[in-house]
Amino acid sequence: MTTLDAHASTNAPRIAVLPKPTPALVESITRGGGVTVTDPAEAEGLVVDFALDPAVLELHIRDGKRARWVQLPRSGVDVFLPAIATRPDLTWTSAKGCYAEAVAEHAMALILTLLRDLHHRVRATSWGEPAGRSLHGLRVVVIGAGGVGLETVRLLKCFSTQVTVVRRRPISVAAADRTVDVGRLGAALDGADVVVVAAALTAQTRALIGSKELNVLAPGAILVNVARGELVDTEAVVAALESGKLAAAGLDVTNPEPLPDGHRLWEIPQALITPHTADTMQMRLPRFAERVTENVRRFARHQPLTGVVDVASGY
C-alpha cells in the first residue's frame, strides 16, 4: 500500500489522478474532503490532468472498475467523446465555465485590437494615417451561451453595444439585447459589425460559419474565434479577408491547428492569430484545481456535480 493509499478513510471518496498524482491536484482533492489513491481500479472518482493524452483516456478508465465519476480538465469535451462513449454509465464533468473570464478577456483584447487597427500599427515603421473605430454602439453577435459567451456579453455591454446571442435553444440571456436559436443564425448575422464565436464544437456546429454567413455581415465587419477552429470554414475566412468582405479576423484557434508555417492566413495582414493562448496553463491550473475541490466536496456529500456533460449534446 502506498503512502497516499494509507491515508484512505471509509468516509472520504477515493480519487485517482490520471495519468499520475500532481501536488496541485492532490491538494485540491484533499481540500474537497477526498483521498488520493494511485490505483485507478480502487478509485470512486477519476480526475484527468492536462498531461493525459485524450486518445489514451479510454485505456485508463477501463481499469476504473469502482469509478462512478470522471472530471475532465477542458471546457470542450470533443476530444474526449470516444472515451465517454465507452463508459456512458459514468458521470462525466468538464471544466466548462472555469476559464470563462480569461477567454472572454482575450476575445475583448482581439476585438479592440482589430477595431483600433493596432494589429497594423504594431508592424508599422512610419507614422502612417489615422485609423480605427470605437466599439461603442456596434452590433455584435455572440455565438454560444456557455461560460465564455455569457462573460463576453457582460464585457461587451460595458461598451453600449447591441448584443445578439445565438444559442442552441432560444432561452433568453438577460444581459443580451436579443437571444435567438441557431436556426436563426443567418438573420442574426445580417448587418453585424462584430461576430464572436464561443460555441462548443459538436457535429451540428462544425463549419457553422462559412461563406454564406460571412457574406451577410456589415461592411467592415470583424470576426473573432476563441472556441474551436473547426467551427469556422478557414478557406471562407481567407477569401473574405482577401476580398475585403471581412475587415479583419482575430483567431485564437484555427483549422488546422497549429496553423502550419506558410499557410495563407499568415500572409494576410488583416488576420491576427494567437496560438490558442486565450487561457494559458498558468491561468487554467488554479481554476481547474478550484473545480476539482468543489466537485470532490459535492461528490462526497452526494450532491449534484458542477459542469456535468450532456453526452447526447456533446458538451
C-alpha atoms as a PDB file:
ATOM      1  CA  MET A   1       0.000   0.000   0.000  1.00  0.00           C
ATOM      2  CA  THR A   2       1.375   3.429  -0.907  1.00  0.00           C
ATOM      3  CA  THR A   3       1.595   6.415   1.417  1.00  0.00           C
ATOM      4  CA  LEU A   4      -1.309   8.001  -0.432  1.00  0.00           C
ATOM      5  CA  ASP A   5      -3.425   4.848  -0.136  1.00  0.00           C
ATOM      6  CA  ALA A   6      -2.625   4.505   3.560  1.00  0.00           C
ATOM      7  CA  HIS A   7      -4.490   7.733   4.294  1.00  0.00           C
ATOM      8  CA  ALA A   8      -7.726   6.445   2.785  1.00  0.00           C
ATOM      9  CA  SER A   9     -10.760   6.512   5.019  1.00  0.00           C
ATOM     10  CA  THR A  10     -14.112   4.841   4.641  1.00  0.00           C
ATOM     11  CA  ASN A  11     -15.830   8.243   4.747  1.00  0.00           C
ATOM     12  CA  ALA A  12     -13.675  10.088   2.213  1.00  0.00           C
ATOM     13  CA  PRO A  13     -14.145   9.390  -1.509  1.00  0.00           C
ATOM     14  CA  ARG A  14     -11.119   7.762  -3.092  1.00  0.00           C
ATOM     15  CA  ILE A  15      -9.951   9.772  -6.107  1.00  0.00           C
ATOM     16  CA  ALA A  16      -7.250   8.886  -8.644  1.00  0.00           C
ATOM     17  CA  VAL A  17      -5.485  11.439 -10.832  1.00  0.00           C
ATOM     18  CA  LEU A  18      -4.673  10.424 -14.399  1.00  0.00           C
ATOM     19  CA  PRO A  19      -2.012   9.880 -15.566  1.00  0.00           C
ATOM     20  CA  LYS A  20      -0.477  10.332 -12.096  1.00  0.00           C
ATOM     21  CA  PRO A  21      -0.976  12.473  -8.979  1.00  0.00           C
ATOM     22  CA  THR A  22       0.391  16.012  -9.065  1.00  0.00           C
ATOM     23  CA  PRO A  23       0.814  18.206  -5.973  1.00  0.00           C
ATOM     24  CA  ALA A  24      -1.761  20.801  -7.037  1.00  0.00           C
ATOM     25  CA  LEU A  25      -4.475  18.247  -7.741  1.00  0.00           C
ATOM     26  CA  VAL A  26      -3.684  16.132  -4.667  1.00  0.00           C
ATOM     27  CA  GLU A  27      -4.073  19.273  -2.573  1.00  0.00           C
ATOM     28  CA  SER A  28      -7.332  20.196  -4.296  1.00  0.00           C
ATOM     29  CA  ILE A  29      -8.735  16.700  -3.691  1.00  0.00           C
ATOM     30  CA  THR A  30      -7.742  16.883  -0.033  1.00  0.00           C
ATOM     31  CA  ARG A  31      -9.396  20.299   0.338  1.00  0.00           C
ATOM     32  CA  GLY A  32     -12.583  18.792  -1.045  1.00  0.00           C
ATOM     33  CA  GLY A  33     -12.570  16.029   1.562  1.00  0.00           C
ATOM     34  CA  GLY A  34     -11.282  13.284  -0.691  1.00  0.00           C
ATOM     35  CA  VAL A  35      -8.301  10.968  -0.536  1.00  0.00           C
ATOM     36  CA  THR A  36      -5.927  10.499  -3.470  1.00  0.00           C
ATOM     37  CA  VAL A  37      -5.183   6.906  -4.433  1.00  0.00           C
ATOM     38  CA  THR A  38      -2.666   5.804  -7.026  1.00  0.00           C
ATOM     39  CA  ASP A  39      -4.533   2.804  -8.422  1.00  0.00           C
ATOM     40  CA  PRO A  40      -7.468   3.784 -10.693  1.00  0.00           C
ATOM     41  CA  ALA A  41      -9.033   0.388 -10.029  1.00  0.00           C
ATOM     42  CA  GLU A  42      -9.553   1.430  -6.406  1.00  0.00           C
ATOM     43  CA  ALA A  43     -10.944   4.895  -7.155  1.00  0.00           C
ATOM     44  CA  GLU A  44     -14.540   6.060  -6.987  1.00  0.00           C
ATOM     45  CA  GLY A  45     -13.668   9.190  -8.910  1.00  0.00           C
ATOM     46  CA  LEU A  46     -11.095   9.930 -11.622  1.00  0.00           C
ATOM     47  CA  VAL A  47      -9.584  13.373 -12.212  1.00  0.00           C
ATOM     48  CA  VAL A  48      -7.953  13.814 -15.615  1.00  0.00           C
ATOM     49  CA  ASP A  49      -4.893  16.057 -15.604  1.00  0.00           C
ATOM     50  CA  PHE A  50      -3.852  18.208 -18.572  1.00  0.00           C
ATOM     51  CA  ALA A  51      -0.859  15.887 -19.045  1.00  0.00           C
ATOM     52  CA  LEU A  52      -3.025  12.952 -20.117  1.00  0.00           C
ATOM     53  CA  ASP A  53      -3.339  12.354 -23.852  1.00  0.00           C
ATOM     54  CA  PRO A  54      -7.100  12.286 -24.541  1.00  0.00           C
ATOM     55  CA  ALA A  55      -6.532   9.460 -27.011  1.00  0.00           C
ATOM     56  CA  VAL A  56      -5.475   7.074 -24.231  1.00  0.00           C
ATOM     57  CA  LEU A  57      -8.136   8.006 -21.677  1.00  0.00           C
ATOM     58  CA  GLU A  58     -10.218   5.006 -22.744  1.00  0.00           C
ATOM     59  CA  LEU A  59      -7.396   2.670 -21.697  1.00  0.00           C
ATOM     60  CA  HIS A  60      -7.209   4.251 -18.246  1.00  0.00           C
ATOM     61  CA  ILE A  61     -10.910   4.229 -17.486  1.00  0.00           C
ATOM     62  CA  ARG A  62     -11.131   0.528 -18.269  1.00  0.00           C
ATOM     63  CA  ASP A  63      -9.188  -0.014 -15.043  1.00  0.00           C
ATOM     64  CA  GLY A  64     -11.636   2.100 -13.050  1.00  0.00           C
ATOM     65  CA  LYS A  65     -13.947  -0.736 -12.014  1.00  0.00           C
ATOM     66  CA  ARG A  66     -15.241   1.155  -8.981  1.00  0.00           C
ATOM     67  CA  ALA A  67     -15.348   4.542 -10.658  1.00  0.00           C
ATOM     68  CA  ARG A  68     -18.621   6.458 -10.789  1.00  0.00           C
ATOM     69  CA  TRP A  69     -17.381   9.891 -11.879  1.00  0.00           C
ATOM     70  CA  VAL A  70     -14.721  11.388 -14.190  1.00  0.00           C
ATOM     71  CA  GLN A  71     -13.616  15.021 -14.043  1.00  0.00           C
ATOM     72  CA  LEU A  72     -12.176  16.336 -17.330  1.00  0.00           C
ATOM     73  CA  PRO A  73      -9.767  19.307 -17.435  1.00  0.00           C
ATOM     74  CA  ARG A  74     -11.119  21.102 -20.506  1.00  0.00           C
ATOM     75  CA  SER A  75     -14.239  23.114 -21.181  1.00  0.00           C
ATOM     76  CA  GLY A  76     -14.843  21.439 -24.546  1.00  0.00           C
ATOM     77  CA  VAL A  77     -15.111  17.670 -24.482  1.00  0.00           C
ATOM     78  CA  ASP A  78     -14.955  16.912 -28.211  1.00  0.00           C
ATOM     79  CA  VAL A  79     -11.566  15.183 -27.898  1.00  0.00           C
ATOM     80  CA  PHE A  80     -12.872  13.003 -25.056  1.00  0.00           C
ATOM     81  CA  LEU A  81     -16.058  11.817 -26.781  1.00  0.00           C
ATOM     82  CA  PRO A  82     -14.648   8.379 -27.786  1.00  0.00           C
ATOM     83  CA  ALA A  83     -13.809   7.647 -24.140  1.00  0.00           C
ATOM     84  CA  ILE A  84     -17.158   8.974 -22.949  1.00  0.00           C
ATOM     85  CA  ALA A  85     -18.928   6.714 -25.435  1.00  0.00           C
ATOM     86  CA  THR A  86     -17.226   3.640 -23.983  1.00  0.00           C
ATOM     87  CA  ARG A  87     -18.377   4.402 -20.426  1.00  0.00           C
ATOM     88  CA  PRO A  88     -21.774   6.119 -20.624  1.00  0.00           C
ATOM     89  CA  ASP A  89     -22.525   4.618 -17.202  1.00  0.00           C
ATOM     90  CA  LEU A  90     -20.167   7.154 -15.587  1.00  0.00           C
ATOM     91  CA  THR A  91     -20.989  10.720 -14.635  1.00  0.00           C
ATOM     92  CA  TRP A  92     -18.697  12.936 -16.689  1.00  0.00           C
ATOM     93  CA  THR A  93     -17.967  16.538 -15.726  1.00  0.00           C
ATOM     94  CA  SER A  94     -15.967  19.086 -17.688  1.00  0.00           C
ATOM     95  CA  ALA A  95     -14.279  22.344 -16.747  1.00  0.00           C
ATOM     96  CA  LYS A  96     -16.938  24.405 -18.543  1.00  0.00           C
ATOM     97  CA  GLY A  97     -17.185  27.825 -17.002  1.00  0.00           C
ATOM     98  CA  CYS A  98     -13.803  27.565 -15.249  1.00  0.00           C
ATOM     99  CA  TYR A  99     -11.872  29.585 -17.793  1.00  0.00           C
ATOM    100  CA  ALA A 100     -14.644  31.918 -18.954  1.00  0.00           C
ATOM    101  CA  GLU A 101     -13.131  35.125 -17.587  1.00  0.00           C
ATOM    102  CA  ALA A 102      -9.725  34.541 -19.171  1.00  0.00           C
ATOM    103  CA  VAL A 103     -11.099  33.540 -22.579  1.00  0.00           C
ATOM    104  CA  ALA A 104     -13.639  36.385 -22.681  1.00  0.00           C
ATOM    105  CA  GLU A 105     -10.864  38.815 -21.771  1.00  0.00           C
ATOM    106  CA  HIS A 106      -8.858  37.539 -24.727  1.00  0.00           C
ATOM    107  CA  ALA A 107     -11.858  37.900 -27.023  1.00  0.00           C
ATOM    108  CA  MET A 108     -12.196  41.529 -25.942  1.00  0.00           C
ATOM    109  CA  ALA A 109      -8.470  42.098 -26.492  1.00  0.00           C
ATOM    110  CA  LEU A 110      -8.786  40.807 -30.054  1.00  0.00           C
ATOM    111  CA  ILE A 111     -11.908  42.876 -30.743  1.00  0.00           C
ATOM    112  CA  LEU A 112     -10.392  46.127 -29.508  1.00  0.00           C
ATOM    113  CA  THR A 113      -7.071  45.473 -31.223  1.00  0.00           C
ATOM    114  CA  LEU A 114      -8.739  44.909 -34.573  1.00  0.00           C
ATOM    115  CA  LEU A 115     -11.159  47.822 -34.297  1.00  0.00           C
ATOM    116  CA  ARG A 116      -8.387  50.195 -33.234  1.00  0.00           C
ATOM    117  CA  ASP A 117      -6.105  48.978 -36.047  1.00  0.00           C
ATOM    118  CA  LEU A 118      -3.400  48.000 -33.568  1.00  0.00           C
ATOM    119  CA  HIS A 119      -2.623  44.802 -35.487  1.00  0.00           C
ATOM    120  CA  HIS A 120      -1.302  47.052 -38.273  1.00  0.00           C
ATOM    121  CA  ARG A 121       0.361  49.624 -36.038  1.00  0.00           C
ATOM    122  CA  VAL A 122       2.414  47.014 -34.206  1.00  0.00           C
ATOM    123  CA  ARG A 123       4.200  46.299 -37.511  1.00  0.00           C
ATOM    124  CA  ALA A 124       4.481  49.932 -38.580  1.00  0.00           C
ATOM    125  CA  THR A 125       7.812  51.613 -39.178  1.00  0.00           C
ATOM    126  CA  SER A 126       6.408  55.063 -40.045  1.00  0.00           C
ATOM    127  CA  TRP A 127       3.756  57.447 -38.671  1.00  0.00           C
ATOM    128  CA  GLY A 128       1.041  56.477 -41.176  1.00  0.00           C
ATOM    129  CA  GLU A 129      -2.568  57.605 -41.425  1.00  0.00           C
ATOM    130  CA  PRO A 130      -5.094  57.787 -38.555  1.00  0.00           C
ATOM    131  CA  ALA A 131      -7.381  54.748 -38.426  1.00  0.00           C
ATOM    132  CA  GLY A 132      -9.634  52.887 -36.043  1.00  0.00           C
ATOM    133  CA  ARG A 133     -13.226  52.558 -34.857  1.00  0.00           C
ATOM    134  CA  SER A 134     -14.924  52.606 -31.486  1.00  0.00           C
ATOM    135  CA  LEU A 135     -16.700  49.535 -30.154  1.00  0.00           C
ATOM    136  CA  HIS A 136     -19.407  51.665 -28.552  1.00  0.00           C
ATOM    137  CA  GLY A 137     -22.775  51.221 -30.215  1.00  0.00           C
ATOM    138  CA  LEU A 138     -21.742  48.486 -32.630  1.00  0.00           C
ATOM    139  CA  ARG A 139     -23.913  45.477 -33.435  1.00  0.00           C
ATOM    140  CA  VAL A 140     -22.309  42.334 -32.011  1.00  0.00           C
ATOM    141  CA  VAL A 141     -23.327  38.692 -32.376  1.00  0.00           C
ATOM    142  CA  VAL A 142     -22.034  36.225 -29.796  1.00  0.00           C
ATOM    143  CA  ILE A 143     -22.411  32.593 -30.878  1.00  0.00           C
ATOM    144  CA  GLY A 144     -22.661  30.358 -27.827  1.00  0.00           C
ATOM    145  CA  ALA A 145     -24.118  30.939 -24.377  1.00  0.00           C
ATOM    146  CA  GLY A 146     -21.792  28.900 -22.210  1.00  0.00           C
ATOM    147  CA  GLY A 147     -19.484  30.472 -19.651  1.00  0.00           C
ATOM    148  CA  VAL A 148     -17.288  32.202 -22.245  1.00  0.00           C
ATOM    149  CA  GLY A 149     -20.229  33.505 -24.233  1.00  0.00           C
ATOM    150  CA  LEU A 150     -22.007  34.897 -21.179  1.00  0.00           C
ATOM    151  CA  GLU A 151     -18.869  36.547 -19.817  1.00  0.00           C
ATOM    152  CA  THR A 152     -18.151  38.056 -23.238  1.00  0.00           C
ATOM    153  CA  VAL A 153     -21.666  39.508 -23.337  1.00  0.00           C
ATOM    154  CA  ARG A 154     -21.144  41.037 -19.900  1.00  0.00           C
ATOM    155  CA  LEU A 155     -17.939  42.736 -21.011  1.00  0.00           C
ATOM    156  CA  LEU A 156     -19.434  43.882 -24.310  1.00  0.00           C
ATOM    157  CA  LYS A 157     -22.286  45.635 -22.552  1.00  0.00           C
ATOM    158  CA  CYS A 158     -19.744  47.908 -20.867  1.00  0.00           C
ATOM    159  CA  PHE A 159     -19.339  49.426 -24.346  1.00  0.00           C
ATOM    160  CA  SER A 160     -23.040  50.101 -25.009  1.00  0.00           C
ATOM    161  CA  THR A 161     -23.070  47.505 -27.755  1.00  0.00           C
ATOM    162  CA  GLN A 162     -26.198  45.930 -29.240  1.00  0.00           C
ATOM    163  CA  VAL A 163     -25.670  42.251 -28.483  1.00  0.00           C
ATOM    164  CA  THR A 164     -27.474  39.292 -30.023  1.00  0.00           C
ATOM    165  CA  VAL A 165     -26.748  35.843 -28.596  1.00  0.00           C
ATOM    166  CA  VAL A 166     -27.176  32.785 -30.789  1.00  0.00           C
ATOM    167  CA  ARG A 167     -27.560  29.505 -28.928  1.00  0.00           C
ATOM    168  CA  ARG A 168     -28.908  26.000 -29.417  1.00  0.00           C
ATOM    169  CA  ARG A 169     -32.132  26.820 -27.612  1.00  0.00           C
ATOM    170  CA  PRO A 170     -33.637  30.340 -27.508  1.00  0.00           C
ATOM    171  CA  ILE A 171     -33.509  30.627 -23.711  1.00  0.00           C
ATOM    172  CA  SER A 172     -33.161  34.329 -23.038  1.00  0.00           C
ATOM    173  CA  VAL A 173     -29.786  35.707 -21.933  1.00  0.00           C
ATOM    174  CA  ALA A 174     -30.691  38.521 -19.569  1.00  0.00           C
ATOM    175  CA  ALA A 175     -27.694  40.723 -20.373  1.00  0.00           C
ATOM    176  CA  ALA A 176     -28.188  40.483 -24.150  1.00  0.00           C
ATOM    177  CA  ASP A 177     -30.497  42.658 -26.223  1.00  0.00           C
ATOM    178  CA  ARG A 178     -31.753  39.621 -28.107  1.00  0.00           C
ATOM    179  CA  THR A 179     -31.426  35.843 -27.911  1.00  0.00           C
ATOM    180  CA  VAL A 180     -32.191  33.547 -30.864  1.00  0.00           C
ATOM    181  CA  ASP A 181     -31.729  29.868 -31.625  1.00  0.00           C
ATOM    182  CA  VAL A 182     -29.153  28.616 -34.092  1.00  0.00           C
ATOM    183  CA  GLY A 183     -31.818  28.188 -36.753  1.00  0.00           C
ATOM    184  CA  ARG A 184     -31.924  31.983 -36.993  1.00  0.00           C
ATOM    185  CA  LEU A 185     -28.148  32.410 -37.250  1.00  0.00           C
ATOM    186  CA  GLY A 186     -28.279  33.961 -40.728  1.00  0.00           C
ATOM    187  CA  ALA A 187     -30.826  36.579 -39.694  1.00  0.00           C
ATOM    188  CA  ALA A 188     -28.839  37.391 -36.557  1.00  0.00           C
ATOM    189  CA  LEU A 189     -25.632  37.900 -38.561  1.00  0.00           C
ATOM    190  CA  ASP A 190     -27.277  40.151 -41.133  1.00  0.00           C
ATOM    191  CA  GLY A 191     -25.632  43.558 -40.733  1.00  0.00           C
ATOM    192  CA  ALA A 192     -23.496  42.601 -37.720  1.00  0.00           C
ATOM    193  CA  ASP A 193     -20.310  44.593 -37.124  1.00  0.00           C
ATOM    194  CA  VAL A 194     -18.588  42.080 -34.837  1.00  0.00           C
ATOM    195  CA  VAL A 195     -19.016  38.301 -34.555  1.00  0.00           C
ATOM    196  CA  VAL A 196     -17.601  36.368 -31.600  1.00  0.00           C
ATOM    197  CA  VAL A 197     -17.528  32.570 -31.886  1.00  0.00           C
ATOM    198  CA  ALA A 198     -17.728  30.990 -28.426  1.00  0.00           C
ATOM    199  CA  ALA A 199     -19.742  27.818 -29.022  1.00  0.00           C
ATOM    200  CA  ALA A 200     -18.958  24.190 -28.269  1.00  0.00           C
ATOM    201  CA  LEU A 201     -17.763  22.020 -31.131  1.00  0.00           C
ATOM    202  CA  THR A 202     -20.308  19.330 -31.996  1.00  0.00           C
ATOM    203  CA  ALA A 203     -21.389  17.557 -35.165  1.00  0.00           C
ATOM    204  CA  GLN A 204     -24.065  20.249 -35.556  1.00  0.00           C
ATOM    205  CA  THR A 205     -21.743  23.243 -35.108  1.00  0.00           C
ATOM    206  CA  ARG A 206     -18.834  22.119 -37.289  1.00  0.00           C
ATOM    207  CA  ALA A 207     -18.235  24.727 -40.052  1.00  0.00           C
ATOM    208  CA  LEU A 208     -21.052  26.835 -38.581  1.00  0.00           C
ATOM    209  CA  ILE A 209     -19.521  29.973 -40.091  1.00  0.00           C
ATOM    210  CA  GLY A 210     -18.845  29.818 -43.824  1.00  0.00           C
ATOM    211  CA  SER A 211     -19.118  31.981 -46.924  1.00  0.00           C
ATOM    212  CA  LYS A 212     -22.895  32.291 -46.664  1.00  0.00           C
ATOM    213  CA  GLU A 213     -22.708  33.614 -43.112  1.00  0.00           C
ATOM    214  CA  LEU A 214     -19.776  35.950 -43.782  1.00  0.00           C
ATOM    215  CA  ASN A 215     -21.463  37.474 -46.818  1.00  0.00           C
ATOM    216  CA  VAL A 216     -24.337  38.954 -44.787  1.00  0.00           C
ATOM    217  CA  LEU A 217     -22.161  40.842 -42.308  1.00  0.00           C
ATOM    218  CA  ALA A 218     -21.913  44.615 -42.367  1.00  0.00           C
ATOM    219  CA  PRO A 219     -19.172  46.196 -44.499  1.00  0.00           C
ATOM    220  CA  GLY A 220     -16.013  46.373 -42.405  1.00  0.00           C
ATOM    221  CA  ALA A 221     -17.114  43.605 -40.027  1.00  0.00           C
ATOM    222  CA  ILE A 222     -14.646  41.658 -37.909  1.00  0.00           C
ATOM    223  CA  LEU A 223     -14.686  38.011 -36.817  1.00  0.00           C
ATOM    224  CA  VAL A 224     -13.227  36.669 -33.567  1.00  0.00           C
ATOM    225  CA  ASN A 225     -12.966  32.948 -32.753  1.00  0.00           C
ATOM    226  CA  VAL A 226     -11.977  31.864 -29.237  1.00  0.00           C
ATOM    227  CA  ALA A 227     -13.756  28.481 -29.274  1.00  0.00           C
ATOM    228  CA  ARG A 228     -12.627  25.802 -31.761  1.00  0.00           C
ATOM    229  CA  GLY A 229     -11.095  26.250 -35.191  1.00  0.00           C
ATOM    230  CA  GLU A 230     -13.454  23.714 -36.761  1.00  0.00           C
ATOM    231  CA  LEU A 231     -16.445  25.964 -36.072  1.00  0.00           C
ATOM    232  CA  VAL A 232     -15.281  28.232 -38.886  1.00  0.00           C
ATOM    233  CA  ASP A 233     -14.562  27.441 -42.542  1.00  0.00           C
ATOM    234  CA  THR A 234     -10.946  28.564 -42.843  1.00  0.00           C
ATOM    235  CA  GLU A 235     -10.986  28.934 -46.614  1.00  0.00           C
ATOM    236  CA  ALA A 236     -14.121  31.087 -46.392  1.00  0.00           C
ATOM    237  CA  VAL A 237     -12.390  33.380 -43.908  1.00  0.00           C
ATOM    238  CA  VAL A 238      -9.308  33.630 -46.132  1.00  0.00           C
ATOM    239  CA  ALA A 239     -11.470  34.534 -49.121  1.00  0.00           C
ATOM    240  CA  ALA A 240     -13.465  37.109 -47.136  1.00  0.00           C
ATOM    241  CA  LEU A 241     -10.297  38.763 -45.840  1.00  0.00           C
ATOM    242  CA  GLU A 242      -8.635  38.829 -49.251  1.00  0.00           C
ATOM    243  CA  SER A 243     -11.735  40.272 -50.906  1.00  0.00           C
ATOM    244  CA  GLY A 244     -12.226  42.884 -48.186  1.00  0.00           C
ATOM    245  CA  LYS A 245     -15.609  41.486 -47.157  1.00  0.00           C
ATOM    246  CA  LEU A 246     -14.142  40.982 -43.700  1.00  0.00           C
ATOM    247  CA  ALA A 247     -12.126  43.910 -42.398  1.00  0.00           C
ATOM    248  CA  ALA A 248     -10.201  41.684 -40.015  1.00  0.00           C
ATOM    249  CA  ALA A 249     -10.238  38.383 -38.120  1.00  0.00           C
ATOM    250  CA  GLY A 250      -8.880  37.581 -34.674  1.00  0.00           C
ATOM    251  CA  LEU A 251      -8.280  33.845 -34.368  1.00  0.00           C
ATOM    252  CA  ASP A 252      -7.069  32.216 -31.183  1.00  0.00           C
ATOM    253  CA  VAL A 253      -7.991  28.845 -32.687  1.00  0.00           C
ATOM    254  CA  THR A 254      -7.589  27.639 -36.259  1.00  0.00           C
ATOM    255  CA  ASN A 255      -8.331  24.722 -38.531  1.00  0.00           C
ATOM    256  CA  PRO A 256      -5.865  23.136 -38.966  1.00  0.00           C
ATOM    257  CA  GLU A 257      -4.216  23.701 -35.586  1.00  0.00           C
ATOM    258  CA  PRO A 258      -1.424  24.500 -35.111  1.00  0.00           C
ATOM    259  CA  LEU A 259      -1.673  26.641 -38.226  1.00  0.00           C
ATOM    260  CA  PRO A 260       1.201  25.433 -40.450  1.00  0.00           C
ATOM    261  CA  ASP A 261       4.043  27.712 -41.478  1.00  0.00           C
ATOM    262  CA  GLY A 262       3.355  29.063 -44.943  1.00  0.00           C
ATOM    263  CA  HIS A 263      -0.427  28.971 -44.580  1.00  0.00           C
ATOM    264  CA  ARG A 264      -2.148  31.824 -46.446  1.00  0.00           C
ATOM    265  CA  LEU A 265      -3.541  33.285 -43.223  1.00  0.00           C
ATOM    266  CA  TRP A 266      -0.018  34.143 -42.057  1.00  0.00           C
ATOM    267  CA  GLU A 267       0.406  36.367 -45.108  1.00  0.00           C
ATOM    268  CA  ILE A 268      -2.835  38.331 -44.621  1.00  0.00           C
ATOM    269  CA  PRO A 269      -2.162  41.471 -42.555  1.00  0.00           C
ATOM    270  CA  GLN A 270      -5.826  41.710 -41.518  1.00  0.00           C
ATOM    271  CA  ALA A 271      -5.545  38.362 -39.722  1.00  0.00           C
ATOM    272  CA  LEU A 272      -4.413  38.433 -36.105  1.00  0.00           C
ATOM    273  CA  ILE A 273      -3.581  34.915 -34.924  1.00  0.00           C
ATOM    274  CA  THR A 274      -2.731  33.921 -31.367  1.00  0.00           C
ATOM    275  CA  PRO A 275      -1.602  30.327 -30.669  1.00  0.00           C
ATOM    276  CA  HIS A 276      -4.566  29.098 -28.584  1.00  0.00           C
ATOM    277  CA  THR A 277      -3.486  31.253 -25.655  1.00  0.00           C
ATOM    278  CA  ALA A 278      -6.797  32.737 -24.526  1.00  0.00           C
ATOM    279  CA  ASP A 279      -6.266  30.645 -21.400  1.00  0.00           C
ATOM    280  CA  THR A 280      -2.690  29.613 -20.798  1.00  0.00           C
ATOM    281  CA  MET A 281      -1.782  26.784 -18.453  1.00  0.00           C
ATOM    282  CA  GLN A 282      -0.823  29.377 -15.853  1.00  0.00           C
ATOM    283  CA  MET A 283      -4.412  30.650 -15.987  1.00  0.00           C
ATOM    284  CA  ARG A 284      -6.020  27.217 -16.163  1.00  0.00           C
ATOM    285  CA  LEU A 285      -4.376  25.320 -13.319  1.00  0.00           C
ATOM    286  CA  PRO A 286      -5.693  27.377 -10.379  1.00  0.00           C
ATOM    287  CA  ARG A 287      -9.226  27.459 -11.776  1.00  0.00           C
ATOM    288  CA  PHE A 288      -9.226  23.746 -12.564  1.00  0.00           C
ATOM    289  CA  ALA A 289      -7.982  22.981  -9.058  1.00  0.00           C
ATOM    290  CA  GLU A 290     -10.910  25.001  -7.676  1.00  0.00           C
ATOM    291  CA  ARG A 291     -13.351  22.990  -9.809  1.00  0.00           C
ATOM    292  CA  VAL A 292     -11.824  19.723  -8.586  1.00  0.00           C
ATOM    293  CA  THR A 293     -12.171  20.811  -4.950  1.00  0.00           C
ATOM    294  CA  GLU A 294     -15.771  21.846  -5.498  1.00  0.00           C
ATOM    295  CA  ASN A 295     -16.758  18.623  -7.230  1.00  0.00           C
ATOM    296  CA  VAL A 296     -14.920  16.339  -4.795  1.00  0.00           C
ATOM    297  CA  ARG A 297     -16.805  18.073  -1.973  1.00  0.00           C
ATOM    298  CA  ARG A 298     -20.108  17.614  -3.813  1.00  0.00           C
ATOM    299  CA  PHE A 299     -19.263  14.009  -4.654  1.00  0.00           C
ATOM    300  CA  ALA A 300     -18.510  13.259  -1.002  1.00  0.00           C
ATOM    301  CA  ARG A 301     -21.863  14.749   0.032  1.00  0.00           C
ATOM    302  CA  HIS A 302     -23.841  13.062  -2.757  1.00  0.00           C
ATOM    303  CA  GLN A 303     -24.766  16.464  -4.200  1.00  0.00           C
ATOM    304  CA  PRO A 304     -25.199  17.342  -7.912  1.00  0.00           C
ATOM    305  CA  LEU A 305     -21.819  17.955  -9.571  1.00  0.00           C
ATOM    306  CA  THR A 306     -20.854  21.119 -11.423  1.00  0.00           C
ATOM    307  CA  GLY A 307     -20.198  21.004 -15.160  1.00  0.00           C
ATOM    308  CA  VAL A 308     -21.973  17.728 -15.918  1.00  0.00           C
ATOM    309  CA  VAL A 309     -21.536  16.769 -19.573  1.00  0.00           C
ATOM    310  CA  ASP A 310     -24.682  16.244 -21.638  1.00  0.00           C
ATOM    311  CA  VAL A 311     -23.481  13.181 -23.528  1.00  0.00           C
ATOM    312  CA  ALA A 312     -26.270  13.421 -26.112  1.00  0.00           C
ATOM    313  CA  SER A 313     -25.426  17.043 -26.943  1.00  0.00           C
ATOM    314  CA  GLY A 314     -21.654  16.534 -26.830  1.00  0.00           C
ATOM    315  CA  TYR A 315     -20.830  19.229 -24.269  1.00  0.00           C
END
